[in-house]
C-alpha cells in the first residue's frame, strides 16, 4: 500500500503543473507504483487470485493510457517509459 507521502512525491515528479493529478503521465506513474507493489505481494502470495485479477486490470488500464499518450505526444511517451522503466512495444 502506498502512503500519502510517496503518492505526493510521484504526483510532484510527473505533474505538468501545480495541482495536476489527472494527466496521463501522473496516472501512469501512480499505476506503475501500484503494479510494483502488487507484483511483490503476489510473489509471496501466489494463490491470491483476486489480487492477480486486480493487477491485470491495472496493467490493462496503464496500457490504454500509454497508448493514448503515444498517440497524442510521442516525446512525452518516450520520456515517461524511460523514467518509469516500462517496456515499449
Protein backbone atom coordinates (compact mmCIF):
# COMPACT_ATOMS: atom_id res chain seq x y z
CA UNK A 1 0.00 0.00 0.00
CA UNK A 2 1.31 3.41 -0.98
CA UNK A 3 1.44 6.05 1.73
CA UNK A 4 0.42 9.66 1.23
CA UNK A 5 4.00 10.99 1.07
CA UNK A 6 5.02 8.54 -1.66
CA UNK A 7 1.91 9.36 -3.68
CA UNK A 8 2.55 13.11 -3.33
CA UNK A 9 6.17 12.65 -4.42
CA UNK A 10 5.09 10.76 -7.55
CA UNK A 11 2.49 13.41 -8.38
CA UNK A 12 5.03 16.21 -7.89
CA UNK A 13 7.58 14.48 -10.10
CA UNK A 14 5.29 13.80 -13.07
CA UNK A 15 2.74 16.65 -12.87
CA UNK A 16 2.55 19.09 -15.77
CA UNK A 17 1.76 21.98 -13.40
CA UNK A 18 0.85 22.52 -9.74
CA UNK A 19 -2.27 20.67 -8.69
CA UNK A 20 -2.16 18.30 -11.68
CA UNK A 21 -3.36 14.86 -10.64
CA UNK A 22 -5.20 13.72 -13.74
CA UNK A 23 -2.75 13.98 -16.61
CA UNK A 24 -1.85 10.67 -18.28
CA UNK A 25 1.73 10.95 -17.05
CA UNK A 26 0.67 11.15 -13.40
CA UNK A 27 -1.92 8.39 -13.81
CA UNK A 28 0.62 6.05 -15.43
CA UNK A 29 3.20 6.78 -12.73
CA UNK A 30 0.71 6.06 -9.93
CA UNK A 31 -0.50 2.89 -11.65
CA UNK A 32 3.10 1.75 -12.08
CA UNK A 33 3.76 2.18 -8.36
CA UNK A 34 0.64 0.15 -7.50
CA UNK A 35 1.58 -2.52 -10.05
CA UNK A 36 5.04 -2.89 -8.50
CA UNK A 37 3.54 -3.20 -5.00
CA UNK A 38 1.02 -5.82 -6.12
CA UNK A 39 3.69 -7.74 -8.02
CA UNK A 40 5.75 -8.01 -4.83
CA UNK A 41 2.65 -9.10 -2.90
CA UNK A 42 1.92 -11.83 -5.44
CA UNK A 43 5.47 -13.14 -5.27
CA UNK A 44 4.92 -14.00 -1.60
CA UNK A 45 1.22 -14.93 -2.01
CA UNK A 46 0.97 -16.87 -5.27
CA UNK A 47 -2.55 -18.19 -4.58
CA UNK A 48 -4.12 -14.74 -4.15
CA UNK A 49 -6.14 -14.85 -7.35
CA UNK A 50 -8.38 -11.87 -6.59
CA UNK A 51 -5.32 -9.64 -6.30
CA UNK A 52 -3.96 -11.11 -9.54
CA UNK A 53 -7.21 -10.17 -11.28
CA UNK A 54 -6.94 -6.63 -9.93
CA UNK A 55 -3.33 -6.44 -11.06
CA UNK A 56 -4.28 -7.45 -14.59
CA UNK A 57 -6.96 -4.74 -14.63
CA UNK A 58 -4.37 -2.14 -13.54
CA UNK A 59 -1.96 -3.28 -16.25
CA UNK A 60 -4.70 -3.03 -18.89
CA UNK A 61 -5.65 0.46 -17.68
CA UNK A 62 -1.99 1.57 -17.78
CA UNK A 63 -1.61 0.14 -21.28
CA UNK A 64 -4.58 2.13 -22.59
CA UNK A 65 -3.22 5.33 -21.03
CA UNK A 66 0.20 4.67 -22.58
CA UNK A 67 -1.39 4.03 -25.97
CA UNK A 68 -3.23 7.36 -25.71
CA UNK A 69 -0.04 9.18 -24.68
CA UNK A 70 1.96 7.59 -27.51
CA UNK A 71 -0.66 8.73 -30.00
CA UNK A 72 -1.04 12.27 -28.65
CA UNK A 73 2.52 13.18 -27.59
CA UNK A 74 5.14 10.61 -28.57
CA UNK A 75 8.06 12.51 -26.99
CA UNK A 76 6.37 12.51 -23.57
CA UNK A 77 5.57 8.83 -24.03
CA UNK A 78 9.24 8.03 -24.66
CA UNK A 79 10.38 10.14 -21.69
CA UNK A 80 7.79 8.58 -19.36
CA UNK A 81 8.55 5.00 -20.30
CA UNK A 82 12.27 5.67 -19.83
CA UNK A 83 11.72 7.31 -16.43
CA UNK A 84 9.47 4.50 -15.17
CA UNK A 85 11.46 1.71 -16.87
CA UNK A 86 8.41 0.40 -18.76
CA UNK A 87 8.99 -1.70 -21.85
CA UNK A 88 7.71 -0.16 -25.08
CA UNK A 89 6.01 -2.09 -27.84
